[in-house]
């Protein structure tokens, strides 16, 4: 309704003008006319009709004030919803575990890598699952797929754990490690992350990046 009013301001202005000035003028003209037909002979006085019209205006005024009040409440609700959504987002971010991953050791050509996961937030992370661990070639072919997911019970705030991947040695340039991870925060909400690292040569040390993804997945 309010959008319609915004799009028809000129029409509303014309109707308002007619209500305030046009109808009283028509009433004035009608009582100046004289007719021999009984139907057109006024049985009301001009005062009666104007009093009735005044009641109509009062009613319309009440309706308009009510509509304005609803519009104002709608604006207040929208602003309140925005503030609530912002507060919820801040609360979610403050309770979200954050991680840093690094290569903690391996044999030649990144064979049997040890991966260190550090919780760099002030929030505990529970039920950590590392899954879909794969190594891709430069042509995006799967060179290795770790079939079993890795499960951890807890990583306390500002603590770290090490995970043994057991991967084969790299045999070609421009390989990519990719994996996913899920965990629960202290409220039981699930957070899902994607993790990746590139190795320019088989002997390069992989540097891992981690990014949260919105739709949590269950391995």
N, C-alpha and C. Protein backbone atom coordinates (compact mmCIF):
# COMPACT_ATOMS: atom_id res chain seq x y z
N UNK A 1 0.83 -1.20 0.00
CA UNK A 1 0.00 0.00 0.00
C UNK A 1 0.86 1.26 0.00
N UNK A 2 1.89 1.25 0.84
CA UNK A 2 2.74 2.43 0.95
C UNK A 2 3.54 2.65 -0.33
N UNK A 3 3.92 1.59 -0.98
CA UNK A 3 4.62 1.73 -2.26
C UNK A 3 3.70 2.33 -3.31
N UNK A 4 2.43 1.90 -3.29
CA UNK A 4 1.46 2.47 -4.23
C UNK A 4 1.30 3.97 -3.98
N UNK A 5 1.25 4.38 -2.72
CA UNK A 5 1.10 5.80 -2.39
C UNK A 5 2.30 6.60 -2.88
N UNK A 6 3.51 6.01 -2.76
CA UNK A 6 4.71 6.70 -3.24
C UNK A 6 4.68 6.89 -4.75
N UNK A 7 4.11 5.90 -5.47
CA UNK A 7 4.09 5.95 -6.93
C UNK A 7 2.95 6.80 -7.48
N UNK A 8 2.00 7.21 -6.64
CA UNK A 8 0.83 7.98 -7.12
C UNK A 8 0.64 9.25 -6.28
N UNK A 9 1.72 9.97 -6.09
CA UNK A 9 1.66 11.18 -5.27
C UNK A 9 0.74 12.24 -5.88
N UNK A 10 0.80 12.40 -7.20
CA UNK A 10 -0.03 13.42 -7.86
C UNK A 10 -1.51 13.08 -7.73
N UNK A 11 -1.85 11.81 -7.91
CA UNK A 11 -3.25 11.40 -7.78
C UNK A 11 -3.75 11.64 -6.37
N UNK A 12 -2.93 11.30 -5.38
CA UNK A 12 -3.32 11.50 -3.98
C UNK A 12 -3.49 12.98 -3.68
N UNK A 13 -2.61 13.82 -4.24
CA UNK A 13 -2.71 15.27 -4.03
C UNK A 13 -4.01 15.80 -4.64
N UNK A 14 -4.38 15.29 -5.84
CA UNK A 14 -5.63 15.73 -6.48
C UNK A 14 -6.85 15.31 -5.66
N UNK A 15 -6.86 14.04 -5.19
CA UNK A 15 -7.98 13.57 -4.39
C UNK A 15 -8.09 14.37 -3.10
N UNK A 16 -6.96 14.67 -2.47
CA UNK A 16 -6.97 15.46 -1.23
C UNK A 16 -7.54 16.85 -1.49
N UNK A 17 -7.14 17.47 -2.61
CA UNK A 17 -7.66 18.80 -2.96
C UNK A 17 -9.17 18.75 -3.16
N UNK A 18 -9.64 17.72 -3.85
CA UNK A 18 -11.09 17.61 -4.10
C UNK A 18 -11.86 17.39 -2.81
N UNK A 19 -11.31 16.61 -1.89
CA UNK A 19 -11.99 16.35 -0.63
C UNK A 19 -12.09 17.63 0.20
N UNK A 20 -11.01 18.39 0.23
CA UNK A 20 -10.98 19.58 1.10
C UNK A 20 -11.73 20.76 0.48
N UNK A 21 -11.55 20.96 -0.83
CA UNK A 21 -12.12 22.15 -1.46
C UNK A 21 -13.21 21.83 -2.47
N UNK A 22 -13.05 20.74 -3.22
CA UNK A 22 -13.98 20.46 -4.31
C UNK A 22 -15.39 20.12 -3.83
N UNK A 23 -15.49 19.19 -2.88
CA UNK A 23 -16.82 18.76 -2.43
C UNK A 23 -17.58 19.89 -1.73
N UNK A 24 -16.95 20.66 -0.82
CA UNK A 24 -17.69 21.81 -0.26
C UNK A 24 -18.20 22.77 -1.33
N UNK A 25 -17.39 22.98 -2.38
CA UNK A 25 -17.82 23.87 -3.47
C UNK A 25 -19.02 23.28 -4.19
N UNK A 26 -18.99 21.94 -4.44
CA UNK A 26 -20.14 21.29 -5.10
C UNK A 26 -21.39 21.42 -4.25
N UNK A 27 -21.27 21.24 -2.93
CA UNK A 27 -22.41 21.40 -2.02
C UNK A 27 -22.97 22.82 -2.11
N UNK A 28 -22.06 23.78 -2.14
CA UNK A 28 -22.49 25.18 -2.24
C UNK A 28 -23.26 25.42 -3.54
N UNK A 29 -22.74 24.87 -4.65
CA UNK A 29 -23.39 25.07 -5.95
C UNK A 29 -24.76 24.39 -5.98
N UNK A 30 -24.84 23.18 -5.43
CA UNK A 30 -26.10 22.44 -5.46
C UNK A 30 -27.20 23.18 -4.70
N UNK A 31 -26.85 23.81 -3.61
CA UNK A 31 -27.88 24.54 -2.85
C UNK A 31 -28.22 25.89 -3.45
N UNK A 32 -27.46 26.28 -4.48
CA UNK A 32 -27.80 27.49 -5.21
C UNK A 32 -28.72 27.20 -6.40
N UNK A 33 -28.81 25.91 -6.76
CA UNK A 33 -29.64 25.55 -7.91
C UNK A 33 -31.11 25.43 -7.49
N UNK A 34 -31.98 25.73 -8.42
CA UNK A 34 -33.42 25.59 -8.17
C UNK A 34 -34.02 24.70 -9.27
N UNK A 35 -34.85 23.76 -8.88
CA UNK A 35 -35.42 22.83 -9.86
C UNK A 35 -36.90 22.59 -9.53
N UNK A 36 -37.67 22.32 -10.59
CA UNK A 36 -39.09 22.02 -10.41
C UNK A 36 -39.31 20.53 -10.14
N UNK A 37 -38.29 19.76 -10.18
CA UNK A 37 -38.41 18.33 -9.93
C UNK A 37 -38.21 18.07 -8.45
N UNK A 38 -39.18 17.40 -7.84
CA UNK A 38 -39.13 17.20 -6.38
C UNK A 38 -37.89 16.43 -5.92
N UNK A 39 -37.45 15.50 -6.80
CA UNK A 39 -36.31 14.69 -6.39
C UNK A 39 -35.06 15.53 -6.12
N UNK A 40 -34.93 16.63 -6.87
CA UNK A 40 -33.74 17.46 -6.74
C UNK A 40 -33.93 18.58 -5.74
N UNK A 41 -35.06 18.59 -5.05
CA UNK A 41 -35.27 19.60 -4.00
C UNK A 41 -34.65 19.09 -2.71
N UNK A 42 -33.73 19.84 -2.16
CA UNK A 42 -32.99 19.41 -0.97
C UNK A 42 -33.90 19.34 0.24
N UNK A 43 -33.86 18.20 0.95
CA UNK A 43 -34.58 18.06 2.20
C UNK A 43 -33.67 18.31 3.40
N UNK A 44 -32.38 18.32 3.14
CA UNK A 44 -31.41 18.69 4.17
C UNK A 44 -31.11 20.17 4.03
N UNK A 45 -30.67 20.72 5.10
CA UNK A 45 -30.15 22.09 5.01
C UNK A 45 -28.68 22.00 4.66
N UNK A 46 -28.14 23.09 4.19
CA UNK A 46 -26.70 23.12 3.86
C UNK A 46 -25.88 22.82 5.10
N UNK A 47 -26.34 23.30 6.26
CA UNK A 47 -25.61 23.04 7.51
C UNK A 47 -25.58 21.56 7.85
N UNK A 48 -26.72 20.87 7.64
CA UNK A 48 -26.77 19.43 7.90
C UNK A 48 -25.77 18.68 7.03
N UNK A 49 -25.77 19.05 5.76
CA UNK A 49 -24.89 18.36 4.82
C UNK A 49 -23.42 18.63 5.13
N UNK A 50 -23.12 19.88 5.45
CA UNK A 50 -21.74 20.23 5.80
C UNK A 50 -21.31 19.55 7.09
N UNK A 51 -22.26 19.42 8.03
CA UNK A 51 -21.95 18.71 9.28
C UNK A 51 -21.65 17.24 9.00
N UNK A 52 -22.46 16.64 8.12
CA UNK A 52 -22.23 15.26 7.74
C UNK A 52 -20.87 15.12 7.04
N UNK A 53 -20.57 16.06 6.15
CA UNK A 53 -19.29 16.03 5.44
C UNK A 53 -18.13 16.22 6.43
N UNK A 54 -18.34 17.04 7.45
CA UNK A 54 -17.30 17.21 8.46
C UNK A 54 -17.02 15.91 9.20
N UNK A 55 -18.09 15.13 9.46
CA UNK A 55 -17.90 13.83 10.10
C UNK A 55 -17.10 12.89 9.19
N UNK A 56 -17.41 12.94 7.89
CA UNK A 56 -16.66 12.13 6.94
C UNK A 56 -15.18 12.50 6.95
N UNK A 57 -14.90 13.82 6.97
CA UNK A 57 -13.51 14.27 7.00
C UNK A 57 -12.81 13.80 8.28
N UNK A 58 -13.53 13.86 9.40
CA UNK A 58 -12.94 13.40 10.66
C UNK A 58 -12.60 11.91 10.58
N UNK A 59 -13.53 11.14 9.97
CA UNK A 59 -13.28 9.71 9.79
C UNK A 59 -12.06 9.47 8.90
N UNK A 60 -12.00 10.21 7.78
CA UNK A 60 -10.85 10.06 6.89
C UNK A 60 -9.55 10.45 7.58
N UNK A 61 -9.63 11.50 8.39
CA UNK A 61 -8.44 11.91 9.14
C UNK A 61 -7.95 10.81 10.07
N UNK A 62 -8.91 10.16 10.73
CA UNK A 62 -8.54 9.04 11.62
C UNK A 62 -7.89 7.90 10.84
N UNK A 63 -8.49 7.61 9.65
CA UNK A 63 -7.93 6.54 8.81
C UNK A 63 -6.52 6.89 8.35
N UNK A 64 -6.33 8.14 7.94
CA UNK A 64 -5.00 8.56 7.46
C UNK A 64 -3.98 8.51 8.58
N UNK A 65 -4.38 8.98 9.77
CA UNK A 65 -3.46 8.92 10.91
C UNK A 65 -3.10 7.47 11.25
N UNK A 66 -4.12 6.59 11.15
CA UNK A 66 -3.86 5.18 11.40
C UNK A 66 -2.88 4.60 10.38
N UNK A 67 -3.09 4.99 9.10
CA UNK A 67 -2.19 4.50 8.05
C UNK A 67 -0.77 5.02 8.27
N UNK A 68 -0.65 6.28 8.65
CA UNK A 68 0.68 6.85 8.91
C UNK A 68 1.34 6.15 10.09
N UNK A 69 0.51 5.83 11.10
CA UNK A 69 1.05 5.13 12.26
C UNK A 69 1.56 3.74 11.86
N UNK A 70 0.80 3.04 11.00
CA UNK A 70 1.22 1.73 10.52
C UNK A 70 2.51 1.83 9.72
N UNK A 71 2.59 2.87 8.88
CA UNK A 71 3.79 3.08 8.07
C UNK A 71 5.00 3.34 8.96
N UNK A 72 4.80 4.17 9.98
CA UNK A 72 5.90 4.46 10.90
C UNK A 72 6.33 3.19 11.65
N UNK A 73 5.35 2.40 12.08
CA UNK A 73 5.67 1.15 12.77
C UNK A 73 6.41 0.18 11.85
N UNK A 74 6.02 0.19 10.56
CA UNK A 74 6.71 -0.67 9.59
C UNK A 74 8.17 -0.26 9.44
N UNK A 75 8.43 1.05 9.36
CA UNK A 75 9.80 1.54 9.25
C UNK A 75 10.59 1.18 10.50
N UNK A 76 9.98 1.36 11.67
CA UNK A 76 10.65 1.04 12.93
C UNK A 76 10.97 -0.46 12.99
N UNK A 77 10.02 -1.29 12.54
CA UNK A 77 10.24 -2.75 12.55
C UNK A 77 11.38 -3.13 11.60
N UNK A 78 11.42 -2.51 10.44
CA UNK A 78 12.49 -2.81 9.49
C UNK A 78 13.85 -2.46 10.08
N UNK A 79 13.93 -1.28 10.72
CA UNK A 79 15.19 -0.87 11.35
C UNK A 79 15.55 -1.82 12.49
N UNK A 80 14.53 -2.22 13.27
CA UNK A 80 14.76 -3.14 14.38
C UNK A 80 15.24 -4.50 13.87
N UNK A 81 14.64 -4.97 12.76
CA UNK A 81 15.06 -6.25 12.18
C UNK A 81 16.51 -6.18 11.69
N UNK A 82 16.89 -5.04 11.11
CA UNK A 82 18.26 -4.87 10.64
C UNK A 82 19.24 -4.90 11.81
N UNK A 83 18.88 -4.20 12.90
CA UNK A 83 19.75 -4.19 14.08
C UNK A 83 19.85 -5.59 14.69
N UNK A 84 18.70 -6.29 14.75
CA UNK A 84 18.71 -7.65 15.30
C UNK A 84 19.57 -8.57 14.45
N UNK A 85 19.44 -8.46 13.13
CA UNK A 85 20.24 -9.29 12.23
C UNK A 85 21.73 -8.99 12.39
N UNK A 86 22.07 -7.69 12.54
CA UNK A 86 23.47 -7.31 12.72
C UNK A 86 24.01 -7.85 14.04
N UNK A 87 23.21 -7.76 15.10
CA UNK A 87 23.64 -8.27 16.40
C UNK A 87 23.82 -9.79 16.35
N UNK A 88 22.90 -10.48 15.67
CA UNK A 88 23.01 -11.94 15.54
C UNK A 88 24.26 -12.32 14.76
N UNK A 89 24.56 -11.53 13.70
CA UNK A 89 25.76 -11.81 12.93
C UNK A 89 27.02 -11.60 13.76
N UNK A 90 27.03 -10.52 14.55
CA UNK A 90 28.18 -10.27 15.42
C UNK A 90 28.32 -11.35 16.48
N UNK A 91 27.17 -11.80 17.03
CA UNK A 91 27.21 -12.86 18.02
C UNK A 91 27.74 -14.15 17.39
N UNK A 92 27.29 -14.44 16.18
CA UNK A 92 27.75 -15.65 15.49
C UNK A 92 29.24 -15.58 15.25
N UNK A 93 29.71 -14.42 14.77
CA UNK A 93 31.14 -14.29 14.48
C UNK A 93 31.98 -14.37 15.74
N UNK A 94 31.46 -13.82 16.84
CA UNK A 94 32.22 -13.85 18.09
C UNK A 94 32.32 -15.27 18.66
N UNK A 95 31.35 -16.14 18.31
CA UNK A 95 31.35 -17.51 18.82
C UNK A 95 31.91 -18.52 17.82
N UNK A 96 32.35 -18.03 16.67
CA UNK A 96 32.83 -18.93 15.63
C UNK A 96 34.30 -19.27 15.85
N UNK A 97 34.64 -20.54 15.92
CA UNK A 97 36.05 -20.92 16.01
C UNK A 97 36.80 -20.50 14.74
N UNK A 98 38.04 -20.09 14.90
CA UNK A 98 38.88 -19.72 13.76
C UNK A 98 40.16 -20.55 13.81
N UNK A 99 40.63 -20.92 12.64
CA UNK A 99 41.74 -21.86 12.59
C UNK A 99 42.87 -21.34 11.70
N UNK A 100 44.05 -21.86 11.99
CA UNK A 100 45.20 -21.67 11.14
C UNK A 100 45.82 -23.05 10.90
N UNK A 101 46.18 -23.34 9.67
CA UNK A 101 46.76 -24.64 9.33
C UNK A 101 48.16 -24.43 8.75
N UNK A 102 49.06 -25.36 9.07
CA UNK A 102 50.39 -25.27 8.50
C UNK A 102 51.00 -26.66 8.35
N UNK A 103 51.93 -26.73 7.43
CA UNK A 103 52.70 -27.96 7.21
C UNK A 103 53.67 -28.10 8.38
N UNK A 104 53.54 -29.19 9.14
CA UNK A 104 54.37 -29.38 10.34
C UNK A 104 55.47 -30.39 10.13
N UNK A 105 55.60 -30.92 8.93
CA UNK A 105 56.66 -31.87 8.65
C UNK A 105 56.23 -32.93 7.66
N UNK A 106 57.22 -33.50 6.96
CA UNK A 106 56.95 -34.57 6.01
C UNK A 106 58.28 -35.16 5.59
N UNK A 107 58.21 -36.25 4.86
CA UNK A 107 59.41 -36.83 4.28
C UNK A 107 59.64 -36.19 2.91
N UNK A 108 60.55 -36.72 2.13
CA UNK A 108 60.86 -36.11 0.84
C UNK A 108 59.66 -35.97 -0.06
N UNK A 109 59.63 -34.85 -0.78
CA UNK A 109 58.54 -34.56 -1.72
C UNK A 109 57.16 -34.61 -1.04
N UNK A 110 57.11 -34.07 0.17
CA UNK A 110 55.86 -33.94 0.95
C UNK A 110 55.22 -35.29 1.24
N UNK A 111 56.03 -36.33 1.34
CA UNK A 111 55.50 -37.66 1.63
C UNK A 111 55.04 -37.74 3.09
N UNK A 112 53.87 -38.34 3.30
CA UNK A 112 53.32 -38.57 4.64
C UNK A 112 53.37 -37.30 5.50
N UNK A 113 52.64 -36.31 5.04
CA UNK A 113 52.68 -34.98 5.66
C UNK A 113 51.99 -34.97 7.02
N UNK A 114 52.56 -34.19 7.92
CA UNK A 114 51.95 -33.92 9.22
C UNK A 114 51.36 -32.52 9.16
N UNK A 115 50.05 -32.42 9.37
CA UNK A 115 49.35 -31.15 9.27
C UNK A 115 48.97 -30.66 10.66
N UNK A 116 49.30 -29.43 10.96
CA UNK A 116 49.01 -28.85 12.28
C UNK A 116 47.82 -27.89 12.16
N UNK A 117 46.80 -28.13 12.99
CA UNK A 117 45.61 -27.27 13.01
C UNK A 117 45.59 -26.53 14.35
N UNK A 118 45.57 -25.21 14.28
CA UNK A 118 45.58 -24.38 15.50
C UNK A 118 44.28 -23.59 15.60
N UNK A 119 43.65 -23.65 16.75
CA UNK A 119 42.46 -22.85 17.03
C UNK A 119 42.92 -21.48 17.52
N UNK A 120 42.81 -20.46 16.67
CA UNK A 120 43.33 -19.13 17.01
C UNK A 120 42.25 -18.21 17.58
N UNK A 121 41.10 -18.78 17.91
CA UNK A 121 40.01 -17.99 18.50
C UNK A 121 39.95 -18.21 20.00
N UNK A 122 39.02 -17.53 20.65
CA UNK A 122 38.79 -17.71 22.09
C UNK A 122 37.68 -18.70 22.35
N UNK A 123 37.25 -19.41 21.32
CA UNK A 123 36.11 -20.32 21.43
C UNK A 123 36.53 -21.76 21.20
N UNK A 124 35.96 -22.65 21.98
CA UNK A 124 36.26 -24.06 21.84
C UNK A 124 35.63 -24.60 20.56
N UNK A 125 36.31 -25.53 19.92
CA UNK A 125 35.78 -26.21 18.74
C UNK A 125 35.58 -27.68 19.07
N UNK A 126 34.38 -28.19 18.80
CA UNK A 126 34.05 -29.58 19.13
C UNK A 126 33.75 -30.37 17.86
N UNK A 127 33.89 -31.70 17.97
CA UNK A 127 33.50 -32.62 16.89
C UNK A 127 34.10 -32.19 15.55
N UNK A 128 35.40 -32.06 15.52
CA UNK A 128 36.10 -31.65 14.30
C UNK A 128 36.24 -32.84 13.37
N UNK A 129 35.88 -32.64 12.11
CA UNK A 129 35.98 -33.69 11.09
C UNK A 129 36.73 -33.11 9.89
N UNK A 130 37.85 -33.74 9.54
CA UNK A 130 38.59 -33.38 8.33
C UNK A 130 38.31 -34.47 7.29
N UNK A 131 37.78 -34.07 6.14
CA UNK A 131 37.33 -35.07 5.16
C UNK A 131 37.53 -34.57 3.74
N UNK A 132 37.24 -35.43 2.80
CA UNK A 132 37.38 -35.12 1.38
C UNK A 132 38.80 -34.60 1.08
N UNK A 133 39.81 -35.28 1.67
CA UNK A 133 41.21 -34.88 1.51
C UNK A 133 41.73 -35.47 0.20
N UNK A 134 42.18 -34.58 -0.70
CA UNK A 134 42.60 -35.03 -2.03
C UNK A 134 43.83 -34.24 -2.49
N UNK A 135 44.57 -34.84 -3.39
CA UNK A 135 45.65 -34.15 -4.09
C UNK A 135 45.30 -34.14 -5.57
N UNK A 136 45.36 -32.95 -6.17
CA UNK A 136 45.04 -32.79 -7.58
C UNK A 136 46.30 -32.42 -8.36
N UNK A 137 46.34 -32.87 -9.60
CA UNK A 137 47.43 -32.48 -10.50
C UNK A 137 47.12 -31.12 -11.10
N UNK A 138 48.05 -30.59 -11.88
CA UNK A 138 47.84 -29.31 -12.54
C UNK A 138 46.66 -29.38 -13.51
N UNK A 139 46.37 -30.59 -14.00
CA UNK A 139 45.25 -30.79 -14.93
C UNK A 139 43.95 -31.12 -14.19
N UNK A 140 43.97 -30.95 -12.87
CA UNK A 140 42.81 -31.20 -12.01
C UNK A 140 42.42 -32.67 -11.95
N UNK A 141 43.37 -33.54 -12.21
CA UNK A 141 43.13 -34.96 -12.05
C UNK A 141 43.45 -35.36 -10.61
N UNK A 142 42.67 -36.27 -10.05
CA UNK A 142 42.87 -36.69 -8.67
C UNK A 142 44.07 -37.66 -8.61
N UNK A 143 45.13 -37.23 -7.90
CA UNK A 143 46.31 -38.07 -7.75
C UNK A 143 46.22 -38.94 -6.50
N UNK A 144 45.48 -38.47 -5.50
CA UNK A 144 45.34 -39.24 -4.25
C UNK A 144 44.07 -38.80 -3.55
N UNK A 145 43.36 -39.76 -2.99
CA UNK A 145 42.11 -39.49 -2.29
C UNK A 145 42.13 -40.26 -0.97
N UNK A 146 42.16 -39.52 0.13
CA UNK A 146 42.15 -40.17 1.45
C UNK A 146 40.72 -40.60 1.75
N UNK A 147 40.49 -41.88 1.78
CA UNK A 147 39.13 -42.40 1.89
C UNK A 147 38.51 -42.15 3.27
N UNK A 148 39.31 -42.27 4.32
CA UNK A 148 38.77 -42.15 5.69
C UNK A 148 38.86 -40.72 6.19
N UNK A 149 37.78 -40.24 6.81
CA UNK A 149 37.79 -38.91 7.43
C UNK A 149 38.57 -38.97 8.74
N UNK A 150 39.09 -37.82 9.16
CA UNK A 150 39.82 -37.71 10.42
C UNK A 150 38.91 -37.03 11.44
N UNK A 151 38.74 -37.66 12.61
CA UNK A 151 37.85 -37.14 13.64
C UNK A 151 38.65 -36.70 14.86
N UNK A 152 38.31 -35.52 15.38
CA UNK A 152 38.90 -35.01 16.61
C UNK A 152 37.78 -34.58 17.54
N UNK A 153 37.95 -34.85 18.82
CA UNK A 153 36.89 -34.49 19.77
C UNK A 153 36.84 -32.98 20.02
N UNK A 154 37.98 -32.39 20.35
CA UNK A 154 37.98 -30.99 20.77
C UNK A 154 39.33 -30.34 20.44
N UNK A 155 39.26 -29.06 20.08
CA UNK A 155 40.45 -28.22 20.05
C UNK A 155 40.15 -27.00 20.91
N UNK A 156 40.80 -26.89 22.04
CA UNK A 156 40.56 -25.79 22.95
C UNK A 156 41.02 -24.47 22.33
N UNK A 157 40.54 -23.37 22.90
CA UNK A 157 40.93 -22.05 22.42
C UNK A 157 42.45 -21.89 22.51
N UNK A 158 43.05 -21.38 21.42
CA UNK A 158 44.50 -21.10 21.34
C UNK A 158 45.35 -22.37 21.52
N UNK A 159 44.77 -23.52 21.22
CA UNK A 159 45.51 -24.78 21.23
C UNK A 159 45.66 -25.31 19.82
N UNK A 160 46.51 -26.32 19.66
CA UNK A 160 46.74 -26.89 18.35
C UNK A 160 46.83 -28.41 18.45
N UNK A 161 46.52 -29.07 17.34
CA UNK A 161 46.65 -30.52 17.24
C UNK A 161 47.32 -30.85 15.91
N UNK A 162 47.91 -32.02 15.84
CA UNK A 162 48.56 -32.46 14.60
C UNK A 162 47.81 -33.64 14.02
N UNK A 163 47.73 -33.67 12.69
CA UNK A 163 47.03 -34.74 11.98
C UNK A 163 47.98 -35.34 10.94
N UNK A 164 48.08 -36.65 10.97
CA UNK A 164 48.92 -37.38 10.02
C UNK A 164 48.07 -37.74 8.81
N UNK A 165 48.46 -37.24 7.63
CA UNK A 165 47.66 -37.49 6.44
C UNK A 165 48.00 -38.81 5.77
N UNK A 166 49.27 -39.22 5.78
CA UNK A 166 49.64 -40.48 5.14
C UNK A 166 49.58 -40.43 3.63
N UNK A 167 49.79 -39.27 3.06
CA UNK A 167 49.71 -39.11 1.61
C UNK A 167 50.98 -39.61 0.91
N UNK A 168 50.88 -39.97 -0.36
CA UNK A 168 52.07 -40.38 -1.12
C UNK A 168 52.93 -39.17 -1.48
N UNK A 169 54.13 -39.41 -1.93
CA UNK A 169 55.03 -38.33 -2.35
C UNK A 169 54.51 -37.70 -3.64
N UNK A 170 54.77 -36.41 -3.80
CA UNK A 170 54.40 -35.72 -5.03
C UNK A 170 55.41 -36.05 -6.12
N UNK A 171 54.91 -36.22 -7.31
CA UNK A 171 55.77 -36.61 -8.43
C UNK A 171 55.75 -35.60 -9.58
N UNK A 172 54.99 -34.55 -9.45
CA UNK A 172 54.91 -33.55 -10.52
C UNK A 172 54.70 -32.15 -9.95
N UNK A 173 54.91 -31.16 -10.79
CA UNK A 173 54.80 -29.76 -10.38
C UNK A 173 53.33 -29.34 -10.32
N UNK A 174 53.13 -28.22 -9.59
CA UNK A 174 51.82 -27.54 -9.55
C UNK A 174 50.69 -28.46 -9.07
N UNK A 175 50.96 -29.21 -8.02
CA UNK A 175 49.91 -30.02 -7.40
C UNK A 175 49.16 -29.19 -6.37
N UNK A 176 47.97 -29.64 -6.03
CA UNK A 176 47.12 -28.89 -5.09
C UNK A 176 46.51 -29.84 -4.06
N UNK A 177 46.68 -29.49 -2.78
CA UNK A 177 45.98 -30.20 -1.71
C UNK A 177 44.63 -29.50 -1.50
N UNK A 178 43.57 -30.29 -1.41
CA UNK A 178 42.25 -29.75 -1.09
C UNK A 178 41.57 -30.65 -0.08
N UNK A 179 40.87 -30.04 0.85
CA UNK A 179 40.13 -30.79 1.87
C UNK A 179 39.05 -29.91 2.47
N UNK A 180 38.18 -30.54 3.27
CA UNK A 180 37.09 -29.82 3.93
C UNK A 180 37.10 -30.16 5.41
N UNK A 181 36.53 -29.28 6.20
CA UNK A 181 36.49 -29.51 7.64
C UNK A 181 35.19 -28.98 8.23
N UNK A 182 34.63 -29.73 9.15
CA UNK A 182 33.47 -29.31 9.92
C UNK A 182 33.82 -29.26 11.40
N UNK A 183 33.14 -28.38 12.13
CA UNK A 183 33.25 -28.39 13.59
C UNK A 183 32.00 -27.76 14.18
N UNK A 184 31.79 -27.99 15.47
CA UNK A 184 30.68 -27.37 16.19
C UNK A 184 31.24 -26.30 17.13
N UNK A 185 30.51 -25.17 17.25
CA UNK A 185 30.92 -24.18 18.24
C UNK A 185 30.30 -24.51 19.59
N UNK A 186 30.45 -23.62 20.56
CA UNK A 186 29.99 -23.92 21.92
C UNK A 186 28.47 -23.98 22.03
N UNK A 187 27.76 -23.47 21.02
CA UNK A 187 26.29 -23.55 21.02
C UNK A 187 25.79 -24.73 20.21
N UNK A 188 26.70 -25.50 19.63
CA UNK A 188 26.29 -26.64 18.83
C UNK A 188 26.05 -26.32 17.37
N UNK A 189 26.27 -25.06 16.95
CA UNK A 189 26.10 -24.70 15.55
C UNK A 189 27.27 -25.25 14.73
N UNK A 190 26.95 -25.74 13.54
CA UNK A 190 27.97 -26.34 12.68
C UNK A 190 28.63 -25.27 11.81
N UNK A 191 29.95 -25.33 11.72
CA UNK A 191 30.71 -24.47 10.82
C UNK A 191 31.48 -25.36 9.86
N UNK A 192 31.51 -24.96 8.60
CA UNK A 192 32.16 -25.76 7.57
C UNK A 192 33.22 -24.91 6.87
N UNK A 193 34.34 -25.51 6.54
CA UNK A 193 35.47 -24.79 5.97
C UNK A 193 36.02 -25.55 4.76
N UNK A 194 36.58 -24.81 3.83
CA UNK A 194 37.35 -25.42 2.75
C UNK A 194 38.81 -25.03 2.93
N UNK A 195 39.70 -25.96 2.63
CA UNK A 195 41.13 -25.80 2.88
C UNK A 195 41.88 -26.17 1.61
N UNK A 196 42.91 -25.41 1.28
CA UNK A 196 43.68 -25.72 0.09
C UNK A 196 45.12 -25.22 0.23
N UNK A 197 46.01 -25.82 -0.55
CA UNK A 197 47.41 -25.40 -0.60
C UNK A 197 48.00 -25.84 -1.93
N UNK A 198 48.88 -25.03 -2.52
CA UNK A 198 49.51 -25.35 -3.79
C UNK A 198 50.99 -25.68 -3.57
N UNK A 199 51.47 -26.61 -4.34
CA UNK A 199 52.89 -26.97 -4.33
C UNK A 199 53.45 -26.76 -5.74
N UNK A 200 54.27 -25.73 -5.87
CA UNK A 200 54.81 -25.42 -7.20
C UNK A 200 55.69 -26.54 -7.72
N UNK A 201 56.46 -27.14 -6.82
CA UNK A 201 57.30 -28.29 -7.18
C UNK A 201 57.06 -29.38 -6.14
N UNK A 202 57.46 -30.63 -6.41
CA UNK A 202 57.25 -31.70 -5.43
C UNK A 202 57.94 -31.45 -4.10
N UNK A 203 59.01 -30.66 -4.12
CA UNK A 203 59.74 -30.39 -2.88
C UNK A 203 59.30 -29.11 -2.18
N UNK A 204 58.31 -28.40 -2.76
CA UNK A 204 57.84 -27.14 -2.15
C UNK A 204 57.09 -27.41 -0.85
N UNK A 205 57.21 -26.48 0.08
CA UNK A 205 56.45 -26.56 1.33
C UNK A 205 55.06 -25.98 1.10
N UNK A 206 54.00 -26.76 1.29
CA UNK A 206 52.64 -26.23 1.06
C UNK A 206 52.24 -25.22 2.14
N UNK A 207 51.65 -24.15 1.72
CA UNK A 207 51.13 -23.13 2.64
C UNK A 207 49.60 -23.15 2.55
N UNK A 208 48.97 -23.55 3.64
CA UNK A 208 47.53 -23.80 3.61
C UNK A 208 46.72 -22.53 3.87
N UNK A 209 45.61 -22.45 3.15
CA UNK A 209 44.62 -21.40 3.33
C UNK A 209 43.31 -22.06 3.76
N UNK A 210 42.54 -21.34 4.61
CA UNK A 210 41.26 -21.88 5.07
C UNK A 210 40.20 -20.79 4.96
N UNK A 211 39.01 -21.19 4.54
CA UNK A 211 37.91 -20.24 4.36
C UNK A 211 36.60 -20.90 4.78
N UNK A 212 35.80 -20.19 5.54
CA UNK A 212 34.51 -20.75 5.95
C UNK A 212 33.55 -20.75 4.77
N UNK A 213 32.77 -21.81 4.64
CA UNK A 213 31.71 -21.87 3.66
C UNK A 213 30.38 -21.92 4.39
N UNK A 214 29.36 -21.30 3.82
CA UNK A 214 28.10 -21.06 4.53
C UNK A 214 27.28 -22.32 4.73
N UNK A 215 27.22 -23.17 3.75
CA UNK A 215 26.38 -24.37 3.84
C UNK A 215 27.20 -25.52 4.39
N UNK A 216 26.94 -25.87 5.63
CA UNK A 216 27.72 -26.94 6.26
C UNK A 216 27.41 -28.28 5.59
N UNK A 217 28.42 -29.10 5.46
CA UNK A 217 28.27 -30.41 4.86
C UNK A 217 28.59 -31.49 5.88
N UNK A 218 27.99 -32.63 5.73
CA UNK A 218 28.28 -33.78 6.59
C UNK A 218 28.93 -34.86 5.76
N UNK A 219 30.15 -35.28 6.11
CA UNK A 219 30.84 -36.28 5.31
C UNK A 219 30.16 -37.64 5.43
